[in-house]
Amino acid sequence: MSKRALSAAVGLTLLLAPLVRPEVAAAATPTPSPSACPSPSPSPEPAGATPNPQASAAAALCQRQADLQQISSQIGQQVAQGLAAERALQQSIDENGRQQSALQADMAGAQTRAAAITVEIGQVDLSIAALEQRIHRNQLELGRLARVLYFTPTPLIVRLLRAGSLRAMLTQAADTAAVSGQARALRSQLLADQARLNQERAQKQAALDEQVSLARRLAADIAALAVLQSQQQDTARQLAVRIAGLKSELAAINAQSTALAKQISAELGREQQALIARSVEEAWAQLSLWLQSHQVAATPGSDPNRMAVPLAGAIVTQPFGPSDLWFEPAFNGFPHFHTGLDLAAPENTPVDAAAAGKVAVVAGSDVGYGNYVIVVHAGGLATLYGHLNQALVKAGDTVVQGQPIGLEGSTGNSTGPHLHFEIRAGGQPVDPAPFLTGTGR
């Protein structure tokens, strides 16, 4: 892809932000505690006492309402997650379209340049053909002079009589030699011009081949993005159907039994989570396309496998790996998995680049990572810095290890100031700890 498409390509990674954390959505919908419901038998009843059916019915009704409200809250969280994923997915689809348009413009430019070079090659070919005709005429002239001078020698006395005097004869001989010398000099110049034109044509042909190859590569990139966009649009349609199903279930929940509501909620939730995971994978696929076309050269003296801690004086509040926190997404066969390190320090502590590289994405969202920066490094590594109060770099910047790239904050889905630091290798999350201790992969 072209450099101009780079900034558009990497804007497609908006979907990298995690989904709305359920505990955030849950805060908006309080769930009544079952203990708030009266017990069917609040105190031991004397032997032989008649049970109070009204109290029992009221307690059962209250418990059912509490259960349904809890299920409603869970469905509400799922709807919020789905809507957040839907917005991010649409942003990614829009970015995909913009990137295709940028690549189309680049491809049209390459085709225009190729057409112009083709015209120039045609003009050079005409010049070469005209020059070859001059060289041919020059060769004929040299041949004629050679025959005059060498193959049909005239006796000296005849030449003297024809000239009229010795001086005139010598002048004629000198003129003939001069003409011969000029013809030979012209031949040398014509041959030099021919070599120059042939070299110019070879250079133009190489430039034409380069533009044709570029146009083909851009066409392949556009085709790959179009396939990905089609997949994203299909995911968006399925996600919209699931969100509509969740909303419908939410509206009908009071008319259902508790068991049925739980069963429907769980099934819809599983389907939606699968679609959300698919949408995130498609977003990373877009970043993979960018990485395939824009390799980052190694910085002398810098080893991307030996990264620096990006937040000075921070403490680890959540490590990489399987988690018992139910709101973490599924990954690598685990039902809940934290794909990075959470590092906490005082708010607005500078966040540094863990290694030298190039800034691929600077973006922000009201969910997930909030304000974040993605830096790509040599060897296909990418680091993400989330929940920033402010980014200090822009897409396309080259950074060195330890350079401030943002200020720590609590944007997006965050319960307090911290940095979410994530490393991806070949598009997959990897444990940052070995990189930070210098042991690499």
Protein backbone atom coordinates (compact mmCIF):
# COMPACT_ATOMS: atom_id res chain seq x y z
CA MET A 1 0.00 0.00 0.00
CA SER A 2 1.04 3.61 -0.48
CA LYS A 3 2.30 5.84 2.30
CA ARG A 4 -0.78 8.03 1.88
CA ALA A 5 -3.00 5.02 2.47
CA LEU A 6 -1.06 4.12 5.59
CA SER A 7 -2.78 6.62 7.87
CA ALA A 8 -6.18 5.55 6.57
CA ALA A 9 -5.29 1.85 6.83
CA VAL A 10 -4.35 2.00 10.45
CA GLY A 11 -7.39 4.09 11.43
CA LEU A 12 -9.27 0.85 10.82
CA THR A 13 -8.04 -0.49 14.15
CA LEU A 14 -10.75 1.37 16.08
CA LEU A 15 -12.29 -2.04 16.78
CA LEU A 16 -9.21 -3.00 18.79
CA ALA A 17 -10.86 -1.36 21.80
CA PRO A 18 -12.43 -3.92 24.16
CA LEU A 19 -16.17 -4.04 24.44
CA VAL A 20 -18.18 -2.24 27.07
CA ARG A 21 -17.25 -3.78 30.37
CA PRO A 22 -20.32 -5.33 31.96
CA GLU A 23 -19.59 -3.88 35.37
CA VAL A 24 -19.83 -0.39 33.87
CA ALA A 25 -23.19 -1.10 32.23
CA ALA A 26 -24.44 -2.83 35.35
CA ALA A 27 -23.85 0.28 37.40
CA ALA A 28 -26.69 2.00 35.54
CA THR A 29 -29.23 -0.74 36.39
CA PRO A 30 -29.37 -1.63 40.08
CA THR A 31 -30.36 -5.19 40.80
CA PRO A 32 -32.63 -5.69 43.78
CA SER A 33 -31.24 -8.02 46.37
CA PRO A 34 -33.25 -11.16 47.01
CA SER A 35 -32.96 -10.32 50.71
CA ALA A 36 -35.26 -7.35 50.07
CA CYS A 37 -38.10 -9.80 49.44
CA PRO A 38 -40.06 -10.92 52.51
CA SER A 39 -39.62 -14.51 53.53
CA PRO A 40 -42.67 -16.74 53.20
CA SER A 41 -42.12 -17.64 56.90
CA PRO A 42 -40.41 -14.67 58.55
CA SER A 43 -40.49 -16.37 61.96
CA PRO A 44 -41.09 -19.85 63.28
CA GLU A 45 -44.79 -20.53 63.40
CA PRO A 46 -46.43 -22.36 66.29
CA ALA A 47 -47.31 -25.95 65.72
CA GLY A 48 -50.66 -26.30 64.07
CA ALA A 49 -50.70 -22.68 62.85
CA THR A 50 -52.28 -22.05 59.48
CA PRO A 51 -49.76 -20.97 56.80
CA ASN A 52 -50.25 -17.49 55.41
CA PRO A 53 -50.78 -18.00 51.66
CA GLN A 54 -50.74 -14.27 50.92
CA ALA A 55 -47.31 -13.84 52.50
CA SER A 56 -45.99 -16.85 50.62
CA ALA A 57 -47.37 -15.57 47.32
CA ALA A 58 -45.98 -12.09 47.92
CA ALA A 59 -42.54 -13.48 48.71
CA ALA A 60 -42.55 -15.70 45.60
CA LEU A 61 -43.68 -12.79 43.42
CA CYS A 62 -41.00 -10.54 44.85
CA GLN A 63 -38.33 -13.20 44.26
CA ARG A 64 -39.51 -13.67 40.65
CA GLN A 65 -39.37 -9.93 40.07
CA ALA A 66 -35.86 -9.80 41.52
CA ASP A 67 -34.74 -12.70 39.30
CA LEU A 68 -36.27 -11.15 36.19
CA GLN A 69 -34.77 -7.77 36.99
CA GLN A 70 -31.37 -9.39 37.35
CA ILE A 71 -31.82 -11.11 33.99
CA SER A 72 -33.00 -7.81 32.50
CA SER A 73 -29.83 -6.18 33.76
CA GLN A 74 -27.72 -8.89 32.16
CA ILE A 75 -29.58 -8.54 28.85
CA GLY A 76 -29.15 -4.76 29.09
CA GLN A 77 -25.42 -5.27 29.47
CA GLN A 78 -25.40 -7.54 26.42
CA VAL A 79 -27.31 -4.92 24.42
CA ALA A 80 -24.80 -2.24 25.48
CA GLN A 81 -21.92 -4.50 24.46
CA GLY A 82 -23.55 -5.26 21.14
CA LEU A 83 -24.26 -1.60 20.39
CA ALA A 84 -20.66 -0.65 21.22
CA ALA A 85 -19.35 -3.41 18.94
CA GLU A 86 -21.82 -2.36 16.24
CA ARG A 87 -20.60 1.25 16.36
CA ALA A 88 -16.96 0.21 16.27
CA LEU A 89 -17.63 -2.25 13.45
CA GLN A 90 -19.37 0.43 11.40
CA GLN A 91 -16.43 2.77 11.98
CA SER A 92 -14.13 0.03 10.72
CA ILE A 93 -16.32 -0.57 7.66
CA ASP A 94 -16.29 3.17 6.92
CA GLU A 95 -12.51 3.31 7.33
CA ASN A 96 -12.21 0.30 5.03
CA GLY A 97 -14.19 2.18 2.38
CA ARG A 98 -12.03 5.28 2.78
CA GLN A 99 -8.90 3.18 2.51
CA GLN A 100 -10.18 1.52 -0.66
CA SER A 101 -10.90 4.98 -2.11
CA ALA A 102 -7.37 6.13 -1.22
CA LEU A 103 -5.87 3.02 -2.81
CA GLN A 104 -8.07 3.49 -5.88
CA ALA A 105 -6.68 7.03 -6.21
CA ASP A 106 -3.12 5.71 -5.80
CA MET A 107 -3.75 3.01 -8.41
CA ALA A 108 -5.22 5.57 -10.83
CA GLY A 109 -2.12 7.72 -10.28
CA ALA A 110 0.14 4.76 -11.02
CA GLN A 111 -1.84 3.97 -14.17
CA THR A 112 -1.66 7.62 -15.28
CA ARG A 113 2.09 7.70 -14.72
CA ALA A 114 2.44 4.41 -16.60
CA ALA A 115 0.49 5.86 -19.55
CA ALA A 116 2.66 8.99 -19.57
CA ILE A 117 5.86 6.92 -19.47
CA THR A 118 4.52 4.77 -22.31
CA VAL A 119 4.10 7.94 -24.41
CA GLU A 120 7.64 9.02 -23.49
CA ILE A 121 9.00 5.62 -24.49
CA GLY A 122 7.22 5.99 -27.83
CA GLN A 123 8.88 9.38 -28.35
CA VAL A 124 12.29 7.91 -27.48
CA ASP A 125 11.65 5.05 -29.91
CA LEU A 126 10.94 7.61 -32.66
CA SER A 127 14.18 9.44 -31.81
CA ILE A 128 16.09 6.17 -31.87
CA ALA A 129 14.59 5.26 -35.27
CA ALA A 130 15.49 8.68 -36.73
CA LEU A 131 18.99 8.40 -35.30
CA GLU A 132 19.43 4.95 -36.79
CA GLN A 133 18.51 6.39 -40.20
CA ARG A 134 21.15 9.13 -39.78
CA ILE A 135 23.72 6.53 -38.75
CA HIS A 136 22.84 4.51 -41.86
CA ARG A 137 23.26 7.58 -44.14
CA ASN A 138 26.55 8.36 -42.40
CA GLN A 139 27.76 4.84 -43.05
CA LEU A 140 26.88 5.22 -46.75
CA GLU A 141 28.79 8.54 -46.91
CA LEU A 142 31.85 7.02 -45.27
CA GLY A 143 31.69 4.16 -47.73
CA ARG A 144 31.55 6.53 -50.68
CA LEU A 145 34.56 8.51 -49.38
CA ALA A 146 36.48 5.31 -48.79
CA ARG A 147 35.90 4.25 -52.36
CA VAL A 148 37.00 7.69 -53.60
CA LEU A 149 40.16 7.71 -51.51
CA TYR A 150 41.22 4.10 -51.55
CA PHE A 151 39.49 2.01 -54.16
CA THR A 152 39.59 4.33 -57.20
CA PRO A 153 42.97 6.08 -56.93
CA THR A 154 43.67 8.65 -59.65
CA PRO A 155 47.23 9.09 -60.98
CA LEU A 156 48.93 12.14 -59.56
CA ILE A 157 49.49 13.79 -62.98
CA VAL A 158 45.76 13.43 -63.82
CA ARG A 159 44.72 14.95 -60.51
CA LEU A 160 47.19 17.78 -61.05
CA LEU A 161 45.88 18.53 -64.54
CA ARG A 162 42.26 18.44 -63.29
CA ALA A 163 43.05 20.82 -60.43
CA GLY A 164 44.94 23.24 -62.64
CA SER A 165 47.74 23.78 -60.14
CA LEU A 166 49.61 22.01 -57.39
CA ARG A 167 48.10 24.30 -54.77
CA ALA A 168 44.55 23.60 -55.97
CA MET A 169 45.27 19.85 -55.95
CA LEU A 170 46.54 19.97 -52.36
CA THR A 171 43.50 22.03 -51.30
CA GLN A 172 41.16 19.46 -52.84
CA ALA A 173 42.98 16.64 -51.06
CA ALA A 174 42.78 18.50 -47.75
CA ASP A 175 39.07 19.16 -48.26
CA THR A 176 38.46 15.50 -48.99
CA ALA A 177 40.34 14.47 -45.83
CA ALA A 178 38.41 17.07 -43.80
CA VAL A 179 35.08 15.77 -45.09
CA SER A 180 36.16 12.24 -44.22
CA GLY A 181 37.18 13.32 -40.73
CA GLN A 182 33.91 15.15 -40.19
CA ALA A 183 31.95 12.11 -41.31
CA ARG A 184 33.86 9.91 -38.88
CA ALA A 185 33.36 12.43 -36.04
CA LEU A 186 29.66 12.58 -36.88
CA ARG A 187 29.50 8.79 -36.76
CA SER A 188 31.09 8.76 -33.29
CA GLN A 189 28.59 11.39 -32.09
CA LEU A 190 25.65 9.52 -33.59
CA LEU A 191 26.74 6.28 -31.92
CA ALA A 192 27.10 8.10 -28.58
CA ASP A 193 23.61 9.57 -29.02
CA GLN A 194 22.29 6.12 -29.83
CA ALA A 195 23.80 4.68 -26.63
CA ARG A 196 22.33 7.56 -24.61
CA LEU A 197 18.86 7.09 -26.09
CA ASN A 198 19.01 3.33 -25.51
CA GLN A 199 19.96 3.95 -21.87
CA GLU A 200 17.15 6.51 -21.52
CA ARG A 201 14.70 4.01 -22.95
CA ALA A 202 15.87 1.30 -20.55
CA GLN A 203 15.38 3.67 -17.61
CA LYS A 204 11.90 4.62 -18.78
CA GLN A 205 11.03 0.96 -19.30
CA ALA A 206 12.16 0.21 -15.72
CA ALA A 207 10.01 3.11 -14.47
CA LEU A 208 7.06 1.78 -16.48
CA ASP A 209 7.53 -1.73 -15.07
CA GLU A 210 7.62 -0.25 -11.55
CA GLN A 211 4.35 1.64 -12.05
CA VAL A 212 2.64 -1.38 -13.59
CA SER A 213 3.81 -3.55 -10.67
CA LEU A 214 2.61 -0.91 -8.17
CA ALA A 215 -0.81 -0.78 -9.84
CA ARG A 216 -1.07 -4.57 -9.60
CA ARG A 217 -0.12 -4.58 -5.91
CA LEU A 218 -2.64 -1.84 -5.16
CA ALA A 219 -5.32 -3.77 -7.04
CA ALA A 220 -4.55 -6.84 -4.91
CA ASP A 221 -4.75 -4.75 -1.71
CA ILE A 222 -8.08 -3.28 -2.82
CA ALA A 223 -9.44 -6.75 -3.54
CA ALA A 224 -8.32 -8.01 -0.10
CA LEU A 225 -9.95 -5.02 1.61
CA ALA A 226 -13.14 -5.57 -0.38
CA VAL A 227 -13.31 -9.19 0.79
CA LEU A 228 -12.72 -8.09 4.38
CA GLN A 229 -15.35 -5.35 4.05
CA SER A 230 -17.87 -7.90 2.79
CA GLN A 231 -17.13 -10.10 5.82
CA GLN A 232 -17.53 -7.12 8.14
CA GLN A 233 -20.84 -6.14 6.56
CA ASP A 234 -22.08 -9.71 6.99
CA THR A 235 -20.99 -9.63 10.64
CA ALA A 236 -22.73 -6.27 11.10
CA ARG A 237 -25.98 -7.68 9.70
CA GLN A 238 -25.83 -10.69 12.00
CA LEU A 239 -24.93 -8.49 14.96
CA ALA A 240 -27.93 -6.23 14.24
CA VAL A 241 -30.21 -9.29 14.23
CA ARG A 242 -28.82 -10.43 17.59
CA ILE A 243 -29.22 -6.96 19.13
CA ALA A 244 -32.82 -6.85 17.91
CA GLY A 245 -33.36 -10.28 19.48
CA LEU A 246 -31.94 -9.09 22.79
CA LYS A 247 -34.15 -6.00 22.76
CA SER A 248 -37.19 -8.13 21.93
CA GLU A 249 -36.35 -10.49 24.78
CA LEU A 250 -35.90 -7.53 27.11
CA ALA A 251 -39.36 -6.25 26.18
CA ALA A 252 -41.01 -9.66 26.68
CA ILE A 253 -39.17 -10.78 29.77
CA ASN A 254 -41.96 -10.00 32.26
CA ALA A 255 -44.29 -12.38 30.43
CA GLN A 256 -41.85 -15.30 30.64
CA SER A 257 -40.87 -17.74 33.28
CA THR A 258 -37.58 -17.14 35.05
CA ALA A 259 -36.06 -20.35 33.66
CA LEU A 260 -37.05 -19.52 30.06
CA ALA A 261 -35.77 -15.95 30.38
CA LYS A 262 -32.42 -17.23 31.66
CA GLN A 263 -32.16 -19.78 28.87
CA ILE A 264 -32.96 -17.27 26.10
CA SER A 265 -30.65 -14.64 27.61
CA ALA A 266 -27.74 -17.08 27.83
CA GLU A 267 -28.22 -18.30 24.25
CA LEU A 268 -28.50 -14.80 22.78
CA GLY A 269 -25.48 -13.74 24.81
CA ARG A 270 -23.36 -16.61 23.49
CA GLU A 271 -24.33 -15.87 19.89
CA GLN A 272 -23.58 -12.19 20.31
CA GLN A 273 -20.21 -12.78 21.97
CA ALA A 274 -19.22 -15.01 19.04
CA LEU A 275 -20.13 -12.24 16.59
CA ILE A 276 -18.28 -9.64 18.64
CA ALA A 277 -15.16 -11.85 18.71
CA ARG A 278 -15.44 -12.23 14.94
CA SER A 279 -15.68 -8.46 14.44
CA VAL A 280 -12.55 -7.92 16.55
CA GLU A 281 -10.66 -10.55 14.54
CA GLU A 282 -11.66 -8.79 11.33
CA ALA A 283 -10.34 -5.50 12.69
CA TRP A 284 -6.98 -7.12 13.47
CA ALA A 285 -7.02 -8.59 9.97
CA GLN A 286 -7.03 -5.04 8.63
CA LEU A 287 -3.97 -4.21 10.72
CA SER A 288 -2.33 -7.36 9.38
CA LEU A 289 -2.89 -6.08 5.84
CA TRP A 290 -1.15 -2.86 6.78
CA LEU A 291 1.77 -4.71 8.35
CA GLN A 292 2.20 -6.86 5.23
CA SER A 293 2.68 -3.76 3.08
CA HIS A 294 4.54 -1.54 5.53
CA GLN A 295 7.41 -3.29 7.24
CA VAL A 296 9.22 -1.25 9.89
CA ALA A 297 12.99 -1.31 9.57
CA ALA A 298 15.08 -2.13 12.61
CA THR A 299 16.58 0.86 14.41
CA PRO A 300 20.36 0.57 14.92
CA GLY A 301 21.13 -0.21 18.54
CA SER A 302 17.48 -1.04 19.33
CA ASP A 303 16.17 -4.54 20.07
CA PRO A 304 12.34 -4.83 19.99
CA ASN A 305 12.63 -8.00 22.08
CA ARG A 306 14.08 -5.94 24.95
CA MET A 307 11.44 -3.39 25.81
CA ALA A 308 11.40 -0.77 28.54
CA VAL A 309 8.58 -0.48 31.08
CA PRO A 310 6.31 2.15 29.51
CA LEU A 311 5.11 3.68 32.80
CA ALA A 312 7.75 4.71 35.34
CA GLY A 313 7.09 3.69 38.94
CA ALA A 314 3.96 1.74 38.03
CA ILE A 315 2.58 -1.29 39.81
CA VAL A 316 0.93 -4.19 38.00
CA THR A 317 -2.76 -4.28 38.88
CA GLN A 318 -3.70 -7.06 36.47
CA PRO A 319 -1.29 -9.46 34.70
CA PHE A 320 -1.55 -11.12 31.32
CA GLY A 321 -3.33 -14.44 31.16
CA PRO A 322 -6.42 -16.35 32.31
CA SER A 323 -8.62 -14.37 34.64
CA ASP A 324 -11.38 -15.11 37.11
CA LEU A 325 -13.01 -11.78 36.23
CA TRP A 326 -16.13 -12.71 34.33
CA PHE A 327 -16.14 -9.55 32.21
CA GLU A 328 -12.82 -10.39 30.51
CA PRO A 329 -13.27 -11.81 26.96
CA ALA A 330 -12.63 -15.42 26.00
CA PHE A 331 -9.24 -16.16 24.42
CA ASN A 332 -6.90 -19.10 23.80
CA GLY A 333 -9.41 -21.62 25.10
CA PHE A 334 -10.06 -19.78 28.37
CA PRO A 335 -13.51 -18.34 29.15
CA HIS A 336 -11.94 -15.12 30.50
CA PHE A 337 -8.52 -13.80 29.51
CA HIS A 338 -6.67 -10.50 30.00
CA THR A 339 -4.68 -9.79 26.83
CA GLY A 340 -2.26 -7.23 28.29
CA LEU A 341 -0.79 -5.73 31.45
CA ASP A 342 -2.58 -3.11 33.55
CA LEU A 343 -0.05 -0.71 35.05
CA ALA A 344 -1.10 1.93 37.59
CA ALA A 345 0.66 5.19 38.50
CA PRO A 346 -0.47 8.74 39.36
CA GLU A 347 -2.67 10.31 36.70
CA ASN A 348 -0.87 12.13 33.86
CA THR A 349 2.36 10.19 34.41
CA PRO A 350 4.15 10.18 31.01
CA VAL A 351 3.70 6.97 29.04
CA ASP A 352 6.85 6.08 27.09
CA ALA A 353 7.38 4.01 23.95
CA ALA A 354 8.50 0.58 25.09
CA ALA A 355 10.74 0.24 22.00
CA ALA A 356 11.67 2.17 18.88
CA GLY A 357 9.14 2.02 16.08
CA LYS A 358 6.56 3.89 14.02
CA VAL A 359 3.23 5.22 15.26
CA ALA A 360 0.52 3.44 13.30
CA VAL A 361 -2.64 4.56 15.10
CA VAL A 362 -3.66 7.44 17.36
CA ALA A 363 -7.36 7.14 18.16
CA GLY A 364 -9.97 7.64 20.83
CA SER A 365 -13.28 6.14 21.90
CA ASP A 366 -15.72 6.49 24.76
CA VAL A 367 -15.51 2.74 25.36
CA GLY A 368 -12.79 0.14 25.60
CA TYR A 369 -9.28 1.54 25.49
CA GLY A 370 -10.45 5.17 25.44
CA ASN A 371 -7.63 7.25 23.96
CA TYR A 372 -4.90 4.93 22.71
CA VAL A 373 -1.75 4.73 20.61
CA ILE A 374 -0.44 1.78 18.62
CA VAL A 375 3.25 1.58 17.69
CA VAL A 376 4.62 -0.99 15.25
CA HIS A 377 8.14 -2.35 15.60
CA ALA A 378 10.57 -4.43 13.58
CA GLY A 379 9.78 -8.11 13.35
CA GLY A 380 5.99 -7.71 13.14
CA LEU A 381 5.52 -6.57 16.75
CA ALA A 382 2.92 -3.99 17.75
CA THR A 383 2.41 -2.34 21.15
CA LEU A 384 -0.80 -0.69 22.33
CA TYR A 385 -1.10 1.95 25.05
CA GLY A 386 -4.68 2.44 26.29
CA HIS A 387 -6.73 4.73 28.59
CA LEU A 388 -4.52 7.78 27.89
CA ASN A 389 -5.64 11.24 28.94
CA GLN A 390 -3.77 12.64 25.96
CA ALA A 391 -1.63 11.36 23.08
CA LEU A 392 1.65 13.20 22.47
CA VAL A 393 2.35 11.75 19.01
CA LYS A 394 0.54 11.45 15.71
CA ALA A 395 0.21 8.66 13.17
CA GLY A 396 3.31 8.34 11.02
CA ASP A 397 5.74 9.61 13.68
CA THR A 398 8.93 7.65 14.27
CA VAL A 399 9.63 7.16 17.97
CA VAL A 400 12.62 5.97 19.98
CA GLN A 401 12.59 3.83 23.09
CA GLY A 402 11.67 5.88 26.15
CA GLN A 403 10.11 8.75 24.16
CA PRO A 404 6.88 10.05 25.77
CA ILE A 405 3.92 9.18 23.56
CA GLY A 406 1.05 10.04 25.90
CA LEU A 407 -0.16 10.82 29.41
CA GLU A 408 -1.69 8.13 31.61
CA GLY A 409 -5.38 8.55 32.28
CA SER A 410 -8.68 6.80 32.82
CA THR A 411 -10.50 7.22 29.50
CA GLY A 412 -12.74 4.54 28.04
CA ASN A 413 -13.83 1.68 30.30
CA SER A 414 -11.60 2.32 33.26
CA THR A 415 -12.21 2.36 36.99
CA GLY A 416 -9.18 4.56 37.72
CA PRO A 417 -5.97 5.94 36.23
CA HIS A 418 -3.90 3.16 34.69
CA LEU A 419 -2.28 2.05 31.44
CA HIS A 420 -3.41 -0.98 29.50
CA PHE A 421 -0.22 -2.16 27.76
CA GLU A 422 -0.61 -4.85 25.12
CA ILE A 423 1.86 -6.54 22.75
CA ARG A 424 0.80 -8.35 19.61
CA ALA A 425 3.12 -10.60 17.59
CA GLY A 426 1.80 -11.69 14.23
CA GLY A 427 -1.58 -10.26 15.23
CA GLN A 428 -1.85 -12.36 18.41
CA PRO A 429 -1.62 -11.08 22.02
CA VAL A 430 1.53 -12.21 23.82
CA ASP A 431 2.68 -11.84 27.41
CA PRO A 432 4.49 -8.49 27.76
CA ALA A 433 6.48 -9.62 30.82
CA PRO A 434 9.26 -11.52 28.96
CA PHE A 435 9.80 -8.52 26.67
CA LEU A 436 10.05 -6.13 29.61
CA THR A 437 12.63 -8.36 31.31
CA GLY A 438 14.64 -8.61 28.08
CA THR A 439 14.15 -12.33 27.48
CA GLY A 440 12.13 -11.75 24.30
CA ARG A 441 9.88 -14.33 22.71
